[in-house]
Amino acid sequence: MMIYDVFGRYIGVKRDDERWLVFRVDLTERKFSRLYEVIIPDELTESEIPGWLDDIFHEAATGKHPDVKRIE
């Protein structure tokens, strides 16, 4: 699973066959819960995911958390 810091919120993305699955991530306890309301188009490549997450969650950007970055 790829884990991103999305403006201070941890989001996991995992490929399952031909689709992307999205998860809320608790790094402290290594727990993952599925986010059904967030959809990543199946045709996006792994390198396009940070840009997509930025587009979806850009309203959450702050001076302390200004961007999306992969952490794992």
PDB file of N, CA and C in Angstrom:
ATOM      1  N   MET A   1       0.840  -1.175   0.000  1.00  0.00           N
ATOM      2  CA  MET A   1       0.000   0.000   0.000  1.00  0.00           C
ATOM      3  C   MET A   1       0.889   1.243   0.000  1.00  0.00           C
ATOM      4  N   MET A   2       0.507   2.215  -0.819  1.00  0.00           N
ATOM      5  CA  MET A   2       1.189   3.504  -0.842  1.00  0.00           C
ATOM      6  C   MET A   2       0.489   4.400   0.178  1.00  0.00           C
ATOM      7  N   ILE A   3       1.269   5.084   0.987  1.00  0.00           N
ATOM      8  CA  ILE A   3       0.690   5.972   1.986  1.00  0.00           C
ATOM      9  C   ILE A   3       1.148   7.394   1.704  1.00  0.00           C
ATOM     10  N   TYR A   4       0.188   8.312   1.689  1.00  0.00           N
ATOM     11  CA  TYR A   4       0.435   9.712   1.387  1.00  0.00           C
ATOM     12  C   TYR A   4       0.052  10.585   2.571  1.00  0.00           C
ATOM     13  N   ASP A   5       0.824  11.642   2.781  1.00  0.00           N
ATOM     14  CA  ASP A   5       0.428  12.713   3.680  1.00  0.00           C
ATOM     15  C   ASP A   5      -0.324  13.695   2.794  1.00  0.00           C
ATOM     16  N   VAL A   6      -1.618  13.759   2.989  1.00  0.00           N
ATOM     17  CA  VAL A   6      -2.482  14.608   2.165  1.00  0.00           C
ATOM     18  C   VAL A   6      -2.921  15.783   3.034  1.00  0.00           C
ATOM     19  N   PHE A   7      -2.130  16.844   2.990  1.00  0.00           N
ATOM     20  CA  PHE A   7      -2.408  18.043   3.777  1.00  0.00           C
ATOM     21  C   PHE A   7      -2.597  17.714   5.261  1.00  0.00           C
ATOM     22  N   GLY A   8      -1.731  16.836   5.780  1.00  0.00           N
ATOM     23  CA  GLY A   8      -1.764  16.487   7.192  1.00  0.00           C
ATOM     24  C   GLY A   8      -2.632  15.299   7.548  1.00  0.00           C
ATOM     25  N   ARG A   9      -3.272  14.721   6.571  1.00  0.00           N
ATOM     26  CA  ARG A   9      -4.132  13.553   6.773  1.00  0.00           C
ATOM     27  C   ARG A   9      -3.494  12.379   6.037  1.00  0.00           C
ATOM     28  N   TYR A  10      -3.442  11.217   6.678  1.00  0.00           N
ATOM     29  CA  TYR A  10      -2.808  10.066   6.035  1.00  0.00           C
ATOM     30  C   TYR A  10      -3.831   9.253   5.247  1.00  0.00           C
ATOM     31  N   ILE A  11      -3.521   9.067   3.969  1.00  0.00           N
ATOM     32  CA  ILE A  11      -4.390   8.340   3.046  1.00  0.00           C
ATOM     33  C   ILE A  11      -3.569   7.221   2.405  1.00  0.00           C
ATOM     34  N   GLY A  12      -4.142   6.009   2.400  1.00  0.00           N
ATOM     35  CA  GLY A  12      -3.508   4.874   1.750  1.00  0.00           C
ATOM     36  C   GLY A  12      -4.196   4.560   0.428  1.00  0.00           C
ATOM     37  N   VAL A  13      -3.419   4.152  -0.546  1.00  0.00           N
ATOM     38  CA  VAL A  13      -3.955   3.784  -1.861  1.00  0.00           C
ATOM     39  C   VAL A  13      -3.352   2.444  -2.248  1.00  0.00           C
ATOM     40  N   LYS A  14      -4.222   1.549  -2.677  1.00  0.00           N
ATOM     41  CA  LYS A  14      -3.791   0.193  -3.008  1.00  0.00           C
ATOM     42  C   LYS A  14      -4.474  -0.245  -4.293  1.00  0.00           C
ATOM     43  N   ARG A  15      -3.713  -0.903  -5.142  1.00  0.00           N
ATOM     44  CA  ARG A  15      -4.272  -1.447  -6.392  1.00  0.00           C
ATOM     45  C   ARG A  15      -4.845  -2.829  -6.108  1.00  0.00           C
ATOM     46  N   ASP A  16      -6.092  -3.039  -6.516  1.00  0.00           N
ATOM     47  CA  ASP A  16      -6.755  -4.330  -6.374  1.00  0.00           C
ATOM     48  C   ASP A  16      -7.276  -4.719  -7.749  1.00  0.00           C
ATOM     49  N   ASP A  17      -6.577  -5.638  -8.399  1.00  0.00           N
ATOM     50  CA  ASP A  17      -6.857  -6.001  -9.790  1.00  0.00           C
ATOM     51  C   ASP A  17      -6.773  -4.752 -10.663  1.00  0.00           C
ATOM     52  N   GLU A  18      -7.875  -4.323 -11.207  1.00  0.00           N
ATOM     53  CA  GLU A  18      -7.869  -3.188 -12.135  1.00  0.00           C
ATOM     54  C   GLU A  18      -8.404  -1.905 -11.522  1.00  0.00           C
ATOM     55  N   ARG A  19      -8.500  -1.841 -10.186  1.00  0.00           N
ATOM     56  CA  ARG A  19      -9.058  -0.632  -9.569  1.00  0.00           C
ATOM     57  C   ARG A  19      -8.203  -0.185  -8.392  1.00  0.00           C
ATOM     58  N   TRP A  20      -8.341   1.107  -8.074  1.00  0.00           N
ATOM     59  CA  TRP A  20      -7.656   1.689  -6.924  1.00  0.00           C
ATOM     60  C   TRP A  20      -8.602   1.703  -5.740  1.00  0.00           C
ATOM     61  N   LEU A  21      -8.097   1.311  -4.566  1.00  0.00           N
ATOM     62  CA  LEU A  21      -8.850   1.376  -3.320  1.00  0.00           C
ATOM     63  C   LEU A  21      -8.200   2.435  -2.446  1.00  0.00           C
ATOM     64  N   VAL A  22      -9.015   3.168  -1.695  1.00  0.00           N
ATOM     65  CA  VAL A  22      -8.522   4.267  -0.873  1.00  0.00           C
ATOM     66  C   VAL A  22      -8.862   3.985   0.587  1.00  0.00           C
ATOM     67  N   PHE A  23      -7.917   4.296   1.487  1.00  0.00           N
ATOM     68  CA  PHE A  23      -8.070   4.000   2.908  1.00  0.00           C
ATOM     69  C   PHE A  23      -7.668   5.190   3.771  1.00  0.00           C
ATOM     70  N   ARG A  24      -8.317   5.339   4.904  1.00  0.00           N
ATOM     71  CA  ARG A  24      -7.855   6.230   5.954  1.00  0.00           C
ATOM     72  C   ARG A  24      -6.792   5.444   6.716  1.00  0.00           C
ATOM     73  N   VAL A  25      -5.689   6.076   7.075  1.00  0.00           N
ATOM     74  CA  VAL A  25      -4.563   5.371   7.692  1.00  0.00           C
ATOM     75  C   VAL A  25      -4.272   5.942   9.071  1.00  0.00           C
ATOM     76  N   ASP A  26      -4.126   5.046  10.041  1.00  0.00           N
ATOM     77  CA  ASP A  26      -3.635   5.395  11.371  1.00  0.00           C
ATOM     78  C   ASP A  26      -2.239   4.784  11.469  1.00  0.00           C
ATOM     79  N   LEU A  27      -1.217   5.618  11.318  1.00  0.00           N
ATOM     80  CA  LEU A  27       0.157   5.108  11.316  1.00  0.00           C
ATOM     81  C   LEU A  27       0.599   4.614  12.689  1.00  0.00           C
ATOM     82  N   THR A  28       0.056   5.178  13.745  1.00  0.00           N
ATOM     83  CA  THR A  28       0.443   4.766  15.090  1.00  0.00           C
ATOM     84  C   THR A  28       0.097   3.306  15.343  1.00  0.00           C
ATOM     85  N   GLU A  29      -1.125   2.927  14.986  1.00  0.00           N
ATOM     86  CA  GLU A  29      -1.583   1.560  15.232  1.00  0.00           C
ATOM     87  C   GLU A  29      -1.547   0.689  13.982  1.00  0.00           C
ATOM     88  N   ARG A  30      -1.112   1.282  12.848  1.00  0.00           N
ATOM     89  CA  ARG A  30      -1.070   0.566  11.563  1.00  0.00           C
ATOM     90  C   ARG A  30      -2.443  -0.015  11.220  1.00  0.00           C
ATOM     91  N   LYS A  31      -3.477   0.820  11.383  1.00  0.00           N
ATOM     92  CA  LYS A  31      -4.840   0.424  11.034  1.00  0.00           C
ATOM     93  C   LYS A  31      -5.278   1.170   9.787  1.00  0.00           C
ATOM     94  N   PHE A  32      -6.081   0.490   8.991  1.00  0.00           N
ATOM     95  CA  PHE A  32      -6.564   1.050   7.734  1.00  0.00           C
ATOM     96  C   PHE A  32      -8.072   0.848   7.655  1.00  0.00           C
ATOM     97  N   SER A  33      -8.802   1.893   7.311  1.00  0.00           N
ATOM     98  CA  SER A  33     -10.239   1.747   7.096  1.00  0.00           C
ATOM     99  C   SER A  33     -10.578   2.314   5.730  1.00  0.00           C
ATOM    100  N   ARG A  34     -11.393   1.597   5.022  1.00  0.00           N
ATOM    101  CA  ARG A  34     -11.717   1.923   3.631  1.00  0.00           C
ATOM    102  C   ARG A  34     -12.510   3.217   3.538  1.00  0.00           C
ATOM    103  N   LEU A  35     -12.141   4.062   2.607  1.00  0.00           N
ATOM    104  CA  LEU A  35     -12.867   5.290   2.287  1.00  0.00           C
ATOM    105  C   LEU A  35     -13.626   5.065   0.990  1.00  0.00           C
ATOM    106  N   TYR A  36     -14.888   4.753   1.091  1.00  0.00           N
ATOM    107  CA  TYR A  36     -15.693   4.460  -0.099  1.00  0.00           C
ATOM    108  C   TYR A  36     -16.087   5.718  -0.858  1.00  0.00           C
ATOM    109  N   GLU A  37     -16.092   6.866  -0.170  1.00  0.00           N
ATOM    110  CA  GLU A  37     -16.534   8.096  -0.817  1.00  0.00           C
ATOM    111  C   GLU A  37     -15.445   8.755  -1.664  1.00  0.00           C
ATOM    112  N   VAL A  38     -14.212   8.257  -1.589  1.00  0.00           N
ATOM    113  CA  VAL A  38     -13.118   8.801  -2.399  1.00  0.00           C
ATOM    114  C   VAL A  38     -12.818   7.814  -3.519  1.00  0.00           C
ATOM    115  N   ILE A  39     -12.951   8.288  -4.742  1.00  0.00           N
ATOM    116  CA  ILE A  39     -12.749   7.443  -5.920  1.00  0.00           C
ATOM    117  C   ILE A  39     -11.529   7.934  -6.697  1.00  0.00           C
ATOM    118  N   ILE A  40     -10.679   7.004  -7.048  1.00  0.00           N
ATOM    119  CA  ILE A  40      -9.555   7.296  -7.951  1.00  0.00           C
ATOM    120  C   ILE A  40      -9.836   6.551  -9.246  1.00  0.00           C
ATOM    121  N   PRO A  41      -9.863   7.256 -10.369  1.00  0.00           N
ATOM    122  CA  PRO A  41     -10.137   6.578 -11.644  1.00  0.00           C
ATOM    123  C   PRO A  41      -9.152   5.437 -11.894  1.00  0.00           C
ATOM    124  N   ASP A  42      -9.674   4.330 -12.347  1.00  0.00           N
ATOM    125  CA  ASP A  42      -8.868   3.124 -12.566  1.00  0.00           C
ATOM    126  C   ASP A  42      -7.734   3.336 -13.560  1.00  0.00           C
ATOM    127  N   GLU A  43      -7.910   4.247 -14.507  1.00  0.00           N
ATOM    128  CA  GLU A  43      -6.901   4.435 -15.550  1.00  0.00           C
ATOM    129  C   GLU A  43      -5.721   5.299 -15.105  1.00  0.00           C
ATOM    130  N   LEU A  44      -5.795   5.906 -13.920  1.00  0.00           N
ATOM    131  CA  LEU A  44      -4.661   6.705 -13.447  1.00  0.00           C
ATOM    132  C   LEU A  44      -3.470   5.816 -13.143  1.00  0.00           C
ATOM    133  N   THR A  45      -2.291   6.330 -13.427  1.00  0.00           N
ATOM    134  CA  THR A  45      -1.065   5.611 -13.082  1.00  0.00           C
ATOM    135  C   THR A  45      -0.663   5.976 -11.653  1.00  0.00           C
ATOM    136  N   GLU A  46       0.236   5.195 -11.109  1.00  0.00           N
ATOM    137  CA  GLU A  46       0.724   5.448  -9.751  1.00  0.00           C
ATOM    138  C   GLU A  46       1.298   6.860  -9.614  1.00  0.00           C
ATOM    139  N   SER A  47       1.999   7.327 -10.633  1.00  0.00           N
ATOM    140  CA  SER A  47       2.613   8.661 -10.571  1.00  0.00           C
ATOM    141  C   SER A  47       1.590   9.796 -10.633  1.00  0.00           C
ATOM    142  N   GLU A  48       0.382   9.510 -11.096  1.00  0.00           N
ATOM    143  CA  GLU A  48      -0.666  10.531 -11.185  1.00  0.00           C
ATOM    144  C   GLU A  48      -1.499  10.655  -9.907  1.00  0.00           C
ATOM    145  N   ILE A  49      -1.364   9.718  -8.999  1.00  0.00           N
ATOM    146  CA  ILE A  49      -2.196   9.708  -7.799  1.00  0.00           C
ATOM    147  C   ILE A  49      -1.980  10.935  -6.909  1.00  0.00           C
ATOM    148  N   PRO A  50      -0.740  11.360  -6.635  1.00  0.00           N
ATOM    149  CA  PRO A  50      -0.590  12.557  -5.797  1.00  0.00           C
ATOM    150  C   PRO A  50      -1.331  13.786  -6.356  1.00  0.00           C
ATOM    151  N   GLY A  51      -1.276  13.988  -7.641  1.00  0.00           N
ATOM    152  CA  GLY A  51      -1.989  15.103  -8.258  1.00  0.00           C
ATOM    153  C   GLY A  51      -3.489  14.978  -8.101  1.00  0.00           C
ATOM    154  N   TRP A  52      -4.000  13.766  -8.231  1.00  0.00           N
ATOM    155  CA  TRP A  52      -5.436  13.519  -8.070  1.00  0.00           C
ATOM    156  C   TRP A  52      -5.860  13.812  -6.624  1.00  0.00           C
ATOM    157  N   LEU A  53      -5.075  13.319  -5.659  1.00  0.00           N
ATOM    158  CA  LEU A  53      -5.393  13.566  -4.252  1.00  0.00           C
ATOM    159  C   LEU A  53      -5.325  15.063  -3.945  1.00  0.00           C
ATOM    160  N   ASP A  54      -4.385  15.755  -4.546  1.00  0.00           N
ATOM    161  CA  ASP A  54      -4.293  17.209  -4.386  1.00  0.00           C
ATOM    162  C   ASP A  54      -5.562  17.876  -4.897  1.00  0.00           C
ATOM    163  N   ASP A  55      -6.034  17.464  -6.064  1.00  0.00           N
ATOM    164  CA  ASP A  55      -7.262  18.040  -6.633  1.00  0.00           C
ATOM    165  C   ASP A  55      -8.475  17.803  -5.737  1.00  0.00           C
ATOM    166  N   ILE A  56      -8.578  16.610  -5.167  1.00  0.00           N
ATOM    167  CA  ILE A  56      -9.735  16.259  -4.350  1.00  0.00           C
ATOM    168  C   ILE A  56      -9.724  16.991  -2.999  1.00  0.00           C
ATOM    169  N   PHE A  57      -8.567  17.057  -2.371  1.00  0.00           N
ATOM    170  CA  PHE A  57      -8.482  17.553  -1.003  1.00  0.00           C
ATOM    171  C   PHE A  57      -7.845  18.937  -0.865  1.00  0.00           C
ATOM    172  N   HIS A  58      -7.672  19.689  -1.953  1.00  0.00           N
ATOM    173  CA  HIS A  58      -6.932  20.948  -1.891  1.00  0.00           C
ATOM    174  C   HIS A  58      -7.506  21.959  -0.899  1.00  0.00           C
ATOM    175  N   GLU A  59      -8.790  21.862  -0.559  1.00  0.00           N
ATOM    176  CA  GLU A  59      -9.390  22.787   0.406  1.00  0.00           C
ATOM    177  C   GLU A  59      -8.796  22.598   1.801  1.00  0.00           C
ATOM    178  N   ALA A  60      -8.176  21.444   2.059  1.00  0.00           N
ATOM    179  CA  ALA A  60      -7.600  21.148   3.376  1.00  0.00           C
ATOM    180  C   ALA A  60      -6.166  21.670   3.515  1.00  0.00           C
ATOM    181  N   ALA A  61      -5.617  22.247   2.458  1.00  0.00           N
ATOM    182  CA  ALA A  61      -4.237  22.746   2.511  1.00  0.00           C
ATOM    183  C   ALA A  61      -4.116  23.880   3.521  1.00  0.00           C
ATOM    184  N   THR A  62      -3.008  23.871   4.262  1.00  0.00           N
ATOM    185  CA  THR A  62      -2.706  24.931   5.223  1.00  0.00           C
ATOM    186  C   THR A  62      -1.240  25.310   5.064  1.00  0.00           C
ATOM    187  N   GLY A  63      -0.829  26.350   5.750  1.00  0.00           N
ATOM    188  CA  GLY A  63       0.572  26.732   5.718  1.00  0.00           C
ATOM    189  C   GLY A  63       1.471  25.651   6.292  1.00  0.00           C
ATOM    190  N   LYS A  64       0.970  24.933   7.292  1.00  0.00           N
ATOM    191  CA  LYS A  64       1.743  23.854   7.905  1.00  0.00           C
ATOM    192  C   LYS A  64       1.761  22.599   7.034  1.00  0.00           C
ATOM    193  N   HIS A  65       0.691  22.373   6.296  1.00  0.00           N
ATOM    194  CA  HIS A  65       0.543  21.194   5.423  1.00  0.00           C
ATOM    195  C   HIS A  65       0.116  21.658   4.031  1.00  0.00           C
ATOM    196  N   PRO A  66       1.072  22.172   3.237  1.00  0.00           N
ATOM    197  CA  PRO A  66       0.706  22.784   1.954  1.00  0.00           C
ATOM    198  C   PRO A  66       0.619  21.841   0.757  1.00  0.00           C
ATOM    199  N   ASP A  67       0.962  20.545   0.943  1.00  0.00           N
ATOM    200  CA  ASP A  67       1.005  19.689  -0.253  1.00  0.00           C
ATOM    201  C   ASP A  67       0.726  18.227   0.065  1.00  0.00           C
ATOM    202  N   VAL A  68       0.759  17.446  -0.989  1.00  0.00           N
ATOM    203  CA  VAL A  68       0.579  15.980  -0.907  1.00  0.00           C
ATOM    204  C   VAL A  68       1.933  15.359  -1.162  1.00  0.00           C
ATOM    205  N   LYS A  69       2.340  14.465  -0.266  1.00  0.00           N
ATOM    206  CA  LYS A  69       3.613  13.778  -0.484  1.00  0.00           C
ATOM    207  C   LYS A  69       3.509  12.323  -0.049  1.00  0.00           C
ATOM    208  N   ARG A  70       4.179  11.479  -0.793  1.00  0.00           N
ATOM    209  CA  ARG A  70       4.183  10.058  -0.449  1.00  0.00           C
ATOM    210  C   ARG A  70       5.169   9.831   0.695  1.00  0.00           C
ATOM    211  N   ILE A  71       4.726   9.087   1.726  1.00  0.00           N
ATOM    212  CA  ILE A  71       5.608   8.821   2.847  1.00  0.00           C
ATOM    213  C   ILE A  71       5.995   7.339   2.939  1.00  0.00           C
ATOM    214  N   GLU A  72       5.248   6.489   2.289  1.00  0.00           N
ATOM    215  CA  GLU A  72       5.593   5.054   2.219  1.00  0.00           C
ATOM    216  C   GLU A  72       5.159   4.507   0.884  1.00  0.00           C
TER     217      GLU A  72
END
